[in-house]
Amino acid sequence: MRKGGGRVSIAAQLIDALSGAHLWAERFDGVLEDVFELQDKVALSVAGVIEPALQAAETGRGVHRPTNDLTAYDLYLRAYAMAFSSPSEVVEAVHLLERAIRLDPRYGPALAYAAICCMRLHADGSTEDPTAESRKGTDFAWRALHVSDDDPGVLANAAYALAYFGEDIGAMVALVDRALTLNPSFARGWYISADLRLFAGQHDAAIEHIEASLRLSPRGNIGPRSFVIGGAHFINRRFDEALPQLLAAIQGLPSHRYAYRYLAACYAHTGRLNEARQVVERLRTMTPQIVPSVSHLRNAEHRELLLSGLRMAMGDAA
């Protein structure tokens, strides 16, 4: 900490004690009159960044463990590294998580991420039996909640999957709110909270909560978070504001099929049908499911806005 005049500067670093590797650093500046506000800002920021930084470091170690010496935790770390990759890797992640769960049937994080993987396969249209995938994901999520012991990550991830698969949205939002009460610095929790607000049609709250996630974890992948902002603008018919966010979502996460769907619909609603059809053609190379189930959007007008845009993009409506 350095002080000069009426100003104070605090430098924080996170170092891997075993290897000496530099994981994270940040500087916080403020004035002495606001020192308590600065203290709170430092505490929130450090707490928010430590979890993902440590998770990434632990995942890197777990991936390189010998395959004949894998505990439930090692299997979970390997799956975690795959959970947001290509559909084939998500399928492999589910297999790894199921192995972890067989070793420890009460392993809440593995159960919750298995539910998230099922949600991902269902949303991407990468499953041959969507109904069975929905049942499987719902079962994993409820099992996770039963053993959660108020683990914020388990609560938030399980609620996310259950909300997507059609459980009461108000109850699932309450679970995520509980997770954020337990850990206000949980960046992924704020992201999930934002997406659930998008499901519920609360576009302004969705943007507010995604901004909280960005403040806590500014170095995280911008793709999913740009998608939530773009989706919020889209359902509010702010198409010109939605477009750059949806483009950023695809750039940050090229496998995000829903981002392509929203982008195609957005182009269509602004009369840019050539661009809309180009996006649909790109989407066809990834999945045969251009028009998905949109039952996770609880507002009927929002569902129709997306579907009608996709129909125009496909040339099915004027």
C-alpha atoms as a PDB file:
ATOM      1  CA  MET A   1       0.000   0.000   0.000  1.00  0.00           C
ATOM      2  CA  ARG A   2       1.281   3.466  -0.919  1.00  0.00           C
ATOM      3  CA  LYS A   3       0.012   6.813   0.287  1.00  0.00           C
ATOM      4  CA  GLY A   4       0.634  10.257  -1.173  1.00  0.00           C
ATOM      5  CA  GLY A   5      -1.169  13.414  -0.137  1.00  0.00           C
ATOM      6  CA  GLY A   6      -4.819  12.572   0.164  1.00  0.00           C
ATOM      7  CA  ARG A   7      -4.617   9.528  -2.102  1.00  0.00           C
ATOM      8  CA  VAL A   8      -3.915   5.869  -1.431  1.00  0.00           C
ATOM      9  CA  SER A   9      -2.936   3.069  -3.841  1.00  0.00           C
ATOM     10  CA  ILE A  10      -3.255  -0.626  -2.973  1.00  0.00           C
ATOM     11  CA  ALA A  11      -1.568  -3.351  -5.040  1.00  0.00           C
ATOM     12  CA  ALA A  12      -2.728  -6.963  -4.731  1.00  0.00           C
ATOM     13  CA  GLN A  13      -1.127 -10.064  -6.230  1.00  0.00           C
ATOM     14  CA  LEU A  14      -2.040 -13.744  -6.296  1.00  0.00           C
ATOM     15  CA  ILE A  15       0.966 -16.101  -6.575  1.00  0.00           C
ATOM     16  CA  ASP A  16       1.043 -19.892  -6.873  1.00  0.00           C
ATOM     17  CA  ALA A  17       3.062 -20.824  -3.773  1.00  0.00           C
ATOM     18  CA  LEU A  18       4.388 -24.077  -5.280  1.00  0.00           C
ATOM     19  CA  SER A  19       5.530 -22.830  -8.665  1.00  0.00           C
ATOM     20  CA  GLY A  20       5.884 -19.098  -8.064  1.00  0.00           C
ATOM     21  CA  ALA A  21       3.646 -18.484 -11.079  1.00  0.00           C
ATOM     22  CA  HIS A  22       1.920 -15.110 -11.181  1.00  0.00           C
ATOM     23  CA  LEU A  23      -1.845 -15.764 -11.354  1.00  0.00           C
ATOM     24  CA  TRP A  24      -3.369 -12.295 -10.955  1.00  0.00           C
ATOM     25  CA  ALA A  25      -2.577  -8.708 -10.042  1.00  0.00           C
ATOM     26  CA  GLU A  26      -4.593  -5.523  -9.713  1.00  0.00           C
ATOM     27  CA  ARG A  27      -4.162  -1.990  -8.403  1.00  0.00           C
ATOM     28  CA  PHE A  28      -6.850  -0.033  -6.584  1.00  0.00           C
ATOM     29  CA  ASP A  29      -6.677   3.755  -6.235  1.00  0.00           C
ATOM     30  CA  GLY A  30      -8.801   6.033  -4.089  1.00  0.00           C
ATOM     31  CA  VAL A  31      -8.814   8.944  -1.677  1.00  0.00           C
ATOM     32  CA  LEU A  32      -8.279   8.685   2.058  1.00  0.00           C
ATOM     33  CA  GLU A  33     -11.679  10.233   2.773  1.00  0.00           C
ATOM     34  CA  ASP A  34     -13.267   7.179   1.056  1.00  0.00           C
ATOM     35  CA  VAL A  35     -10.885   4.604   2.525  1.00  0.00           C
ATOM     36  CA  PHE A  36     -13.664   2.339   3.823  1.00  0.00           C
ATOM     37  CA  GLU A  37     -15.393   2.318   0.429  1.00  0.00           C
ATOM     38  CA  LEU A  38     -12.022   1.483  -1.159  1.00  0.00           C
ATOM     39  CA  GLN A  39     -11.521  -1.298   1.365  1.00  0.00           C
ATOM     40  CA  ASP A  40     -14.886  -2.834   0.417  1.00  0.00           C
ATOM     41  CA  LYS A  41     -14.036  -2.541  -3.290  1.00  0.00           C
ATOM     42  CA  VAL A  42     -10.713  -4.345  -2.766  1.00  0.00           C
ATOM     43  CA  ALA A  43     -12.337  -7.101  -0.712  1.00  0.00           C
ATOM     44  CA  LEU A  44     -15.083  -7.747  -3.262  1.00  0.00           C
ATOM     45  CA  SER A  45     -12.710  -7.666  -6.222  1.00  0.00           C
ATOM     46  CA  VAL A  46     -10.114  -9.947  -4.646  1.00  0.00           C
ATOM     47  CA  ALA A  47     -12.720 -12.429  -3.452  1.00  0.00           C
ATOM     48  CA  GLY A  48     -14.344 -12.410  -6.873  1.00  0.00           C
ATOM     49  CA  VAL A  49     -11.145 -13.093  -8.783  1.00  0.00           C
ATOM     50  CA  ILE A  50      -9.527 -15.678  -6.501  1.00  0.00           C
ATOM     51  CA  GLU A  51     -12.125 -18.392  -7.116  1.00  0.00           C
ATOM     52  CA  PRO A  52     -11.892 -18.476 -10.950  1.00  0.00           C
ATOM     53  CA  ALA A  53      -8.095 -18.059 -10.853  1.00  0.00           C
ATOM     54  CA  LEU A  54      -7.700 -20.980  -8.465  1.00  0.00           C
ATOM     55  CA  GLN A  55     -10.259 -23.023 -10.418  1.00  0.00           C
ATOM     56  CA  ALA A  56      -8.253 -22.524 -13.616  1.00  0.00           C
ATOM     57  CA  ALA A  57      -4.993 -23.475 -11.888  1.00  0.00           C
ATOM     58  CA  GLU A  58      -6.536 -26.573 -10.276  1.00  0.00           C
ATOM     59  CA  THR A  59      -8.146 -27.580 -13.584  1.00  0.00           C
ATOM     60  CA  GLY A  60      -4.781 -27.344 -15.338  1.00  0.00           C
ATOM     61  CA  ARG A  61      -3.242 -29.638 -12.748  1.00  0.00           C
ATOM     62  CA  GLY A  62      -6.139 -32.105 -12.856  1.00  0.00           C
ATOM     63  CA  VAL A  63      -6.054 -32.434 -16.636  1.00  0.00           C
ATOM     64  CA  HIS A  64      -2.419 -33.571 -16.452  1.00  0.00           C
ATOM     65  CA  ARG A  65      -2.933 -36.189 -13.745  1.00  0.00           C
ATOM     66  CA  PRO A  66      -2.327 -39.815 -14.882  1.00  0.00           C
ATOM     67  CA  THR A  67      -5.587 -41.416 -16.012  1.00  0.00           C
ATOM     68  CA  ASN A  68      -5.006 -44.454 -13.761  1.00  0.00           C
ATOM     69  CA  ASP A  69      -4.956 -42.274 -10.629  1.00  0.00           C
ATOM     70  CA  LEU A  70      -8.148 -40.263 -10.785  1.00  0.00           C
ATOM     71  CA  THR A  71     -10.250 -39.401  -7.760  1.00  0.00           C
ATOM     72  CA  ALA A  72     -13.758 -37.971  -7.970  1.00  0.00           C
ATOM     73  CA  TYR A  73     -12.252 -34.486  -7.721  1.00  0.00           C
ATOM     74  CA  ASP A  74      -9.798 -35.154 -10.563  1.00  0.00           C
ATOM     75  CA  LEU A  75     -12.639 -36.412 -12.749  1.00  0.00           C
ATOM     76  CA  TYR A  76     -14.637 -33.292 -11.903  1.00  0.00           C
ATOM     77  CA  LEU A  77     -11.716 -31.020 -12.873  1.00  0.00           C
ATOM     78  CA  ARG A  78     -11.265 -32.810 -16.205  1.00  0.00           C
ATOM     79  CA  ALA A  79     -14.971 -32.467 -16.923  1.00  0.00           C
ATOM     80  CA  TYR A  80     -14.961 -28.813 -15.879  1.00  0.00           C
ATOM     81  CA  ALA A  81     -12.307 -28.114 -18.521  1.00  0.00           C
ATOM     82  CA  MET A  82     -14.599 -29.603 -21.199  1.00  0.00           C
ATOM     83  CA  ALA A  83     -18.017 -28.404 -20.061  1.00  0.00           C
ATOM     84  CA  PHE A  84     -18.076 -25.302 -22.271  1.00  0.00           C
ATOM     85  CA  SER A  85     -16.280 -26.729 -25.297  1.00  0.00           C
ATOM     86  CA  SER A  86     -17.589 -28.563 -28.366  1.00  0.00           C
ATOM     87  CA  PRO A  87     -20.645 -30.843 -28.038  1.00  0.00           C
ATOM     88  CA  SER A  88     -18.468 -33.966 -28.318  1.00  0.00           C
ATOM     89  CA  GLU A  89     -16.374 -32.760 -25.379  1.00  0.00           C
ATOM     90  CA  VAL A  90     -19.517 -31.933 -23.400  1.00  0.00           C
ATOM     91  CA  VAL A  91     -20.643 -35.541 -23.921  1.00  0.00           C
ATOM     92  CA  GLU A  92     -17.262 -36.719 -22.624  1.00  0.00           C
ATOM     93  CA  ALA A  93     -17.604 -34.313 -19.676  1.00  0.00           C
ATOM     94  CA  VAL A  94     -20.898 -35.976 -18.724  1.00  0.00           C
ATOM     95  CA  HIS A  95     -19.192 -39.399 -18.783  1.00  0.00           C
ATOM     96  CA  LEU A  96     -16.399 -38.124 -16.528  1.00  0.00           C
ATOM     97  CA  LEU A  97     -18.886 -36.560 -14.126  1.00  0.00           C
ATOM     98  CA  GLU A  98     -20.920 -39.769 -13.996  1.00  0.00           C
ATOM     99  CA  ARG A  99     -17.720 -41.623 -13.029  1.00  0.00           C
ATOM    100  CA  ALA A 100     -17.100 -39.046 -10.293  1.00  0.00           C
ATOM    101  CA  ILE A 101     -20.657 -39.435  -9.032  1.00  0.00           C
ATOM    102  CA  ARG A 102     -20.303 -43.227  -8.918  1.00  0.00           C
ATOM    103  CA  LEU A 103     -17.220 -42.747  -6.721  1.00  0.00           C
ATOM    104  CA  ASP A 104     -19.037 -40.202  -4.540  1.00  0.00           C
ATOM    105  CA  PRO A 105     -22.843 -40.121  -4.986  1.00  0.00           C
ATOM    106  CA  ARG A 106     -23.077 -37.012  -2.756  1.00  0.00           C
ATOM    107  CA  TYR A 107     -20.566 -34.952  -4.734  1.00  0.00           C
ATOM    108  CA  GLY A 108     -22.654 -31.802  -5.201  1.00  0.00           C
ATOM    109  CA  PRO A 109     -20.415 -29.883  -7.664  1.00  0.00           C
ATOM    110  CA  ALA A 110     -20.197 -32.913  -9.974  1.00  0.00           C
ATOM    111  CA  LEU A 111     -23.973 -33.421  -9.867  1.00  0.00           C
ATOM    112  CA  ALA A 112     -24.622 -29.736 -10.578  1.00  0.00           C
ATOM    113  CA  TYR A 113     -22.182 -29.579 -13.498  1.00  0.00           C
ATOM    114  CA  ALA A 114     -23.620 -32.801 -14.934  1.00  0.00           C
ATOM    115  CA  ALA A 115     -26.976 -30.981 -14.984  1.00  0.00           C
ATOM    116  CA  ILE A 116     -25.340 -27.988 -16.708  1.00  0.00           C
ATOM    117  CA  CYS A 117     -23.829 -30.284 -19.349  1.00  0.00           C
ATOM    118  CA  CYS A 118     -27.233 -31.864 -20.030  1.00  0.00           C
ATOM    119  CA  MET A 119     -28.683 -28.361 -20.360  1.00  0.00           C
ATOM    120  CA  ARG A 120     -25.934 -27.435 -22.809  1.00  0.00           C
ATOM    121  CA  LEU A 121     -26.525 -30.516 -24.993  1.00  0.00           C
ATOM    122  CA  HIS A 122     -30.275 -29.881 -24.982  1.00  0.00           C
ATOM    123  CA  ALA A 123     -29.922 -26.179 -25.812  1.00  0.00           C
ATOM    124  CA  ASP A 124     -27.426 -26.843 -28.604  1.00  0.00           C
ATOM    125  CA  GLY A 125     -29.624 -29.499 -30.194  1.00  0.00           C
ATOM    126  CA  SER A 126     -26.788 -31.998 -29.732  1.00  0.00           C
ATOM    127  CA  THR A 127     -28.824 -34.825 -28.259  1.00  0.00           C
ATOM    128  CA  GLU A 128     -30.778 -37.520 -30.080  1.00  0.00           C
ATOM    129  CA  ASP A 129     -33.434 -37.632 -27.340  1.00  0.00           C
ATOM    130  CA  PRO A 130     -34.166 -34.145 -25.909  1.00  0.00           C
ATOM    131  CA  THR A 131     -36.850 -35.483 -23.556  1.00  0.00           C
ATOM    132  CA  ALA A 132     -34.489 -38.027 -22.010  1.00  0.00           C
ATOM    133  CA  GLU A 133     -31.742 -35.383 -21.748  1.00  0.00           C
ATOM    134  CA  SER A 134     -34.163 -33.073 -19.957  1.00  0.00           C
ATOM    135  CA  ARG A 135     -35.136 -35.795 -17.464  1.00  0.00           C
ATOM    136  CA  LYS A 136     -31.488 -36.682 -16.887  1.00  0.00           C
ATOM    137  CA  GLY A 137     -30.449 -33.074 -16.334  1.00  0.00           C
ATOM    138  CA  THR A 138     -33.372 -32.421 -14.002  1.00  0.00           C
ATOM    139  CA  ASP A 139     -32.506 -35.509 -11.944  1.00  0.00           C
ATOM    140  CA  PHE A 140     -28.860 -34.465 -11.602  1.00  0.00           C
ATOM    141  CA  ALA A 141     -29.892 -30.953 -10.531  1.00  0.00           C
ATOM    142  CA  TRP A 142     -32.356 -32.059  -7.844  1.00  0.00           C
ATOM    143  CA  ARG A 143     -29.808 -34.542  -6.493  1.00  0.00           C
ATOM    144  CA  ALA A 144     -27.276 -31.713  -6.347  1.00  0.00           C
ATOM    145  CA  LEU A 145     -29.658 -29.514  -4.357  1.00  0.00           C
ATOM    146  CA  HIS A 146     -30.345 -32.319  -1.885  1.00  0.00           C
ATOM    147  CA  VAL A 147     -26.640 -32.497  -0.981  1.00  0.00           C
ATOM    148  CA  SER A 148     -25.699 -28.841  -1.543  1.00  0.00           C
ATOM    149  CA  ASP A 149     -25.071 -27.849   2.105  1.00  0.00           C
ATOM    150  CA  ASP A 150     -25.523 -24.218   1.017  1.00  0.00           C
ATOM    151  CA  ASP A 151     -22.627 -24.391  -1.471  1.00  0.00           C
ATOM    152  CA  PRO A 152     -23.227 -21.257  -3.641  1.00  0.00           C
ATOM    153  CA  GLY A 153     -21.855 -22.916  -6.781  1.00  0.00           C
ATOM    154  CA  VAL A 154     -24.054 -25.976  -6.403  1.00  0.00           C
ATOM    155  CA  LEU A 155     -27.147 -23.870  -5.651  1.00  0.00           C
ATOM    156  CA  ALA A 156     -26.617 -21.577  -8.643  1.00  0.00           C
ATOM    157  CA  ASN A 157     -25.711 -24.232 -11.217  1.00  0.00           C
ATOM    158  CA  ALA A 158     -28.518 -26.574 -10.180  1.00  0.00           C
ATOM    159  CA  ALA A 159     -31.038 -23.714 -10.252  1.00  0.00           C
ATOM    160  CA  TYR A 160     -29.794 -22.686 -13.709  1.00  0.00           C
ATOM    161  CA  ALA A 161     -30.392 -26.141 -15.157  1.00  0.00           C
ATOM    162  CA  LEU A 162     -33.779 -26.545 -13.451  1.00  0.00           C
ATOM    163  CA  ALA A 163     -34.936 -23.137 -14.682  1.00  0.00           C
ATOM    164  CA  TYR A 164     -33.943 -24.062 -18.242  1.00  0.00           C
ATOM    165  CA  PHE A 165     -35.740 -27.416 -17.992  1.00  0.00           C
ATOM    166  CA  GLY A 166     -38.975 -25.714 -16.929  1.00  0.00           C
ATOM    167  CA  GLU A 167     -39.113 -25.651 -13.138  1.00  0.00           C
ATOM    168  CA  ASP A 168     -40.750 -22.662 -11.444  1.00  0.00           C
ATOM    169  CA  ILE A 169     -38.694 -19.626 -12.427  1.00  0.00           C
ATOM    170  CA  GLY A 170     -39.449 -17.685  -9.253  1.00  0.00           C
ATOM    171  CA  ALA A 171     -38.222 -20.525  -7.064  1.00  0.00           C
ATOM    172  CA  MET A 172     -35.044 -20.893  -9.129  1.00  0.00           C
ATOM    173  CA  VAL A 173     -34.330 -17.158  -8.983  1.00  0.00           C
ATOM    174  CA  ALA A 174     -34.733 -17.372  -5.211  1.00  0.00           C
ATOM    175  CA  LEU A 175     -32.133 -20.166  -5.089  1.00  0.00           C
ATOM    176  CA  VAL A 176     -29.644 -18.058  -7.039  1.00  0.00           C
ATOM    177  CA  ASP A 177     -30.379 -15.083  -4.800  1.00  0.00           C
ATOM    178  CA  ARG A 178     -29.585 -17.373  -1.858  1.00  0.00           C
ATOM    179  CA  ALA A 179     -26.271 -18.310  -3.481  1.00  0.00           C
ATOM    180  CA  LEU A 180     -25.389 -14.632  -3.932  1.00  0.00           C
ATOM    181  CA  THR A 181     -26.294 -13.875  -0.326  1.00  0.00           C
ATOM    182  CA  LEU A 182     -23.855 -16.584   0.726  1.00  0.00           C
ATOM    183  CA  ASN A 183     -21.155 -15.292  -1.651  1.00  0.00           C
ATOM    184  CA  PRO A 184     -21.732 -11.773  -3.062  1.00  0.00           C
ATOM    185  CA  SER A 185     -18.395 -12.032  -4.933  1.00  0.00           C
ATOM    186  CA  PHE A 186     -19.515 -15.070  -6.982  1.00  0.00           C
ATOM    187  CA  ALA A 187     -19.104 -13.833 -10.575  1.00  0.00           C
ATOM    188  CA  ARG A 188     -20.663 -16.914 -12.170  1.00  0.00           C
ATOM    189  CA  GLY A 189     -23.577 -16.616  -9.759  1.00  0.00           C
ATOM    190  CA  TRP A 190     -24.251 -13.090 -11.025  1.00  0.00           C
ATOM    191  CA  TYR A 191     -24.039 -14.392 -14.605  1.00  0.00           C
ATOM    192  CA  ILE A 192     -26.549 -17.149 -13.868  1.00  0.00           C
ATOM    193  CA  SER A 193     -28.797 -14.659 -12.090  1.00  0.00           C
ATOM    194  CA  ALA A 194     -28.696 -12.449 -15.184  1.00  0.00           C
ATOM    195  CA  ASP A 195     -29.595 -15.325 -17.513  1.00  0.00           C
ATOM    196  CA  LEU A 196     -32.500 -16.369 -15.290  1.00  0.00           C
ATOM    197  CA  ARG A 197     -33.764 -12.769 -15.397  1.00  0.00           C
ATOM    198  CA  LEU A 198     -33.577 -13.061 -19.177  1.00  0.00           C
ATOM    199  CA  PHE A 199     -35.647 -16.262 -18.979  1.00  0.00           C
ATOM    200  CA  ALA A 200     -38.170 -14.366 -16.855  1.00  0.00           C
ATOM    201  CA  GLY A 201     -38.299 -11.397 -19.236  1.00  0.00           C
ATOM    202  CA  GLN A 202     -36.670  -8.974 -16.792  1.00  0.00           C
ATOM    203  CA  HIS A 203     -34.295  -7.418 -19.328  1.00  0.00           C
ATOM    204  CA  ASP A 204     -33.083  -4.450 -17.258  1.00  0.00           C
ATOM    205  CA  ALA A 205     -32.297  -6.648 -14.230  1.00  0.00           C
ATOM    206  CA  ALA A 206     -30.475  -9.076 -16.556  1.00  0.00           C
ATOM    207  CA  ILE A 207     -28.163  -6.300 -17.758  1.00  0.00           C
ATOM    208  CA  GLU A 208     -27.626  -5.010 -14.217  1.00  0.00           C
ATOM    209  CA  HIS A 209     -26.625  -8.453 -12.952  1.00  0.00           C
ATOM    210  CA  ILE A 210     -24.339  -9.213 -15.892  1.00  0.00           C
ATOM    211  CA  GLU A 211     -22.551  -5.929 -15.239  1.00  0.00           C
ATOM    212  CA  ALA A 212     -21.972  -7.101 -11.652  1.00  0.00           C
ATOM    213  CA  SER A 213     -20.451 -10.311 -13.037  1.00  0.00           C
ATOM    214  CA  LEU A 214     -18.195  -8.309 -15.349  1.00  0.00           C
ATOM    215  CA  ARG A 215     -16.987  -6.097 -12.495  1.00  0.00           C
ATOM    216  CA  LEU A 216     -16.086  -9.121 -10.383  1.00  0.00           C
ATOM    217  CA  SER A 217     -14.434 -11.099 -13.188  1.00  0.00           C
ATOM    218  CA  PRO A 218     -13.384  -8.717 -15.965  1.00  0.00           C
ATOM    219  CA  ARG A 219     -10.963 -11.259 -17.453  1.00  0.00           C
ATOM    220  CA  GLY A 220     -13.592 -13.963 -17.931  1.00  0.00           C
ATOM    221  CA  ASN A 221     -14.849 -15.050 -21.348  1.00  0.00           C
ATOM    222  CA  ILE A 222     -16.914 -12.158 -22.673  1.00  0.00           C
ATOM    223  CA  GLY A 223     -18.929 -14.387 -25.028  1.00  0.00           C
ATOM    224  CA  PRO A 224     -21.650 -15.729 -22.697  1.00  0.00           C
ATOM    225  CA  ARG A 225     -22.010 -12.400 -20.925  1.00  0.00           C
ATOM    226  CA  SER A 226     -22.298 -10.458 -24.191  1.00  0.00           C
ATOM    227  CA  PHE A 227     -25.015 -12.914 -25.193  1.00  0.00           C
ATOM    228  CA  VAL A 228     -27.080 -12.102 -22.107  1.00  0.00           C
ATOM    229  CA  ILE A 229     -26.748  -8.357 -22.756  1.00  0.00           C
ATOM    230  CA  GLY A 230     -27.600  -8.845 -26.435  1.00  0.00           C
ATOM    231  CA  GLY A 231     -30.533 -11.079 -25.558  1.00  0.00           C
ATOM    232  CA  ALA A 232     -31.849  -8.530 -23.074  1.00  0.00           C
ATOM    233  CA  HIS A 233     -31.722  -5.777 -25.689  1.00  0.00           C
ATOM    234  CA  PHE A 234     -33.323  -8.114 -28.238  1.00  0.00           C
ATOM    235  CA  ILE A 235     -36.361  -9.003 -26.140  1.00  0.00           C
ATOM    236  CA  ASN A 236     -36.791  -5.296 -25.426  1.00  0.00           C
ATOM    237  CA  ARG A 237     -36.741  -4.706 -29.225  1.00  0.00           C
ATOM    238  CA  ARG A 238     -33.573  -2.612 -29.005  1.00  0.00           C
ATOM    239  CA  PHE A 239     -32.207  -4.401 -32.049  1.00  0.00           C
ATOM    240  CA  ASP A 240     -29.465  -1.910 -32.913  1.00  0.00           C
ATOM    241  CA  GLU A 241     -28.049  -2.255 -29.392  1.00  0.00           C
ATOM    242  CA  ALA A 242     -28.425  -6.040 -29.460  1.00  0.00           C
ATOM    243  CA  LEU A 243     -26.464  -6.607 -32.685  1.00  0.00           C
ATOM    244  CA  PRO A 244     -22.930  -5.658 -31.520  1.00  0.00           C
ATOM    245  CA  GLN A 245     -23.382  -7.636 -28.308  1.00  0.00           C
ATOM    246  CA  LEU A 246     -24.519 -10.751 -30.183  1.00  0.00           C
ATOM    247  CA  LEU A 247     -21.600 -10.433 -32.594  1.00  0.00           C
ATOM    248  CA  ALA A 248     -19.250 -10.152 -29.599  1.00  0.00           C
ATOM    249  CA  ALA A 249     -20.891 -13.239 -28.078  1.00  0.00           C
ATOM    250  CA  ILE A 250     -20.101 -15.306 -31.169  1.00  0.00           C
ATOM    251  CA  GLN A 251     -16.567 -13.962 -31.319  1.00  0.00           C
ATOM    252  CA  GLY A 252     -15.988 -14.856 -27.669  1.00  0.00           C
ATOM    253  CA  LEU A 253     -17.687 -18.257 -27.865  1.00  0.00           C
ATOM    254  CA  PRO A 254     -18.019 -19.462 -31.486  1.00  0.00           C
ATOM    255  CA  SER A 255     -19.921 -22.601 -30.441  1.00  0.00           C
ATOM    256  CA  HIS A 256     -22.773 -20.637 -28.782  1.00  0.00           C
ATOM    257  CA  ARG A 257     -25.676 -21.743 -31.004  1.00  0.00           C
ATOM    258  CA  TYR A 258     -28.274 -19.566 -29.292  1.00  0.00           C
ATOM    259  CA  ALA A 259     -26.157 -16.510 -30.034  1.00  0.00           C
ATOM    260  CA  TYR A 260     -26.376 -17.364 -33.747  1.00  0.00           C
ATOM    261  CA  ARG A 261     -30.134 -17.819 -33.462  1.00  0.00           C
ATOM    262  CA  TYR A 262     -30.640 -14.493 -31.732  1.00  0.00           C
ATOM    263  CA  LEU A 263     -28.310 -12.797 -34.224  1.00  0.00           C
ATOM    264  CA  ALA A 264     -30.207 -14.208 -37.222  1.00  0.00           C
ATOM    265  CA  ALA A 265     -33.527 -13.132 -35.706  1.00  0.00           C
ATOM    266  CA  CYS A 266     -32.127  -9.701 -34.882  1.00  0.00           C
ATOM    267  CA  TYR A 267     -30.922  -9.155 -38.449  1.00  0.00           C
ATOM    268  CA  ALA A 268     -34.307 -10.304 -39.754  1.00  0.00           C
ATOM    269  CA  HIS A 269     -36.259  -7.912 -37.546  1.00  0.00           C
ATOM    270  CA  THR A 270     -34.123  -5.011 -38.791  1.00  0.00           C
ATOM    271  CA  GLY A 271     -34.774  -5.964 -42.419  1.00  0.00           C
ATOM    272  CA  ARG A 272     -31.226  -7.222 -43.054  1.00  0.00           C
ATOM    273  CA  LEU A 273     -32.384 -10.533 -44.486  1.00  0.00           C
ATOM    274  CA  ASN A 274     -29.209 -11.320 -46.433  1.00  0.00           C
ATOM    275  CA  GLU A 275     -27.135 -11.160 -43.248  1.00  0.00           C
ATOM    276  CA  ALA A 276     -29.818 -13.140 -41.405  1.00  0.00           C
ATOM    277  CA  ARG A 277     -29.680 -15.933 -43.969  1.00  0.00           C
ATOM    278  CA  GLN A 278     -25.886 -15.998 -43.884  1.00  0.00           C
ATOM    279  CA  VAL A 279     -26.025 -16.528 -40.125  1.00  0.00           C
ATOM    280  CA  VAL A 280     -28.540 -19.351 -40.594  1.00  0.00           C
ATOM    281  CA  GLU A 281     -26.215 -21.014 -43.106  1.00  0.00           C
ATOM    282  CA  ARG A 282     -23.352 -20.826 -40.619  1.00  0.00           C
ATOM    283  CA  LEU A 283     -25.641 -22.308 -37.989  1.00  0.00           C
ATOM    284  CA  ARG A 284     -26.573 -25.196 -40.328  1.00  0.00           C
ATOM    285  CA  THR A 285     -22.920 -26.278 -40.351  1.00  0.00           C
ATOM    286  CA  MET A 286     -23.121 -26.686 -36.582  1.00  0.00           C
ATOM    287  CA  THR A 287     -26.560 -28.182 -35.989  1.00  0.00           C
ATOM    288  CA  PRO A 288     -29.667 -29.236 -37.934  1.00  0.00           C
ATOM    289  CA  GLN A 289     -31.805 -27.564 -35.259  1.00  0.00           C
ATOM    290  CA  ILE A 290     -32.217 -23.982 -36.456  1.00  0.00           C
ATOM    291  CA  VAL A 291     -35.519 -23.340 -34.675  1.00  0.00           C
ATOM    292  CA  PRO A 292     -35.096 -24.614 -31.106  1.00  0.00           C
ATOM    293  CA  SER A 293     -37.389 -25.111 -28.184  1.00  0.00           C
ATOM    294  CA  VAL A 294     -37.755 -21.718 -26.528  1.00  0.00           C
ATOM    295  CA  SER A 295     -39.869 -22.856 -23.584  1.00  0.00           C
ATOM    296  CA  HIS A 296     -37.264 -21.515 -21.150  1.00  0.00           C
ATOM    297  CA  LEU A 297     -38.424 -18.007 -22.132  1.00  0.00           C
ATOM    298  CA  ARG A 298     -41.453 -17.588 -19.898  1.00  0.00           C
ATOM    299  CA  ASN A 299     -42.966 -14.619 -21.771  1.00  0.00           C
ATOM    300  CA  ALA A 300     -45.004 -15.700 -24.833  1.00  0.00           C
ATOM    301  CA  GLU A 301     -44.296 -12.440 -26.686  1.00  0.00           C
ATOM    302  CA  HIS A 302     -40.564 -12.911 -26.243  1.00  0.00           C
ATOM    303  CA  ARG A 303     -40.781 -16.487 -27.540  1.00  0.00           C
ATOM    304  CA  GLU A 304     -42.678 -15.331 -30.623  1.00  0.00           C
ATOM    305  CA  LEU A 305     -40.241 -12.467 -31.224  1.00  0.00           C
ATOM    306  CA  LEU A 306     -37.355 -14.914 -31.479  1.00  0.00           C
ATOM    307  CA  LEU A 307     -39.273 -17.530 -33.465  1.00  0.00           C
ATOM    308  CA  SER A 308     -40.735 -15.075 -35.946  1.00  0.00           C
ATOM    309  CA  GLY A 309     -37.275 -13.625 -36.549  1.00  0.00           C
ATOM    310  CA  LEU A 310     -35.883 -17.089 -37.196  1.00  0.00           C
ATOM    311  CA  ARG A 311     -38.727 -17.917 -39.576  1.00  0.00           C
ATOM    312  CA  MET A 312     -37.966 -14.752 -41.558  1.00  0.00           C
ATOM    313  CA  ALA A 313     -34.271 -15.574 -41.569  1.00  0.00           C
ATOM    314  CA  MET A 314     -35.078 -19.005 -42.985  1.00  0.00           C
ATOM    315  CA  GLY A 315     -37.357 -17.499 -45.623  1.00  0.00           C
ATOM    316  CA  ASP A 316     -40.520 -18.968 -44.115  1.00  0.00           C
ATOM    317  CA  ALA A 317     -42.287 -15.637 -43.611  1.00  0.00           C
ATOM    318  CA  ALA A 318     -42.344 -12.238 -45.218  1.00  0.00           C
END
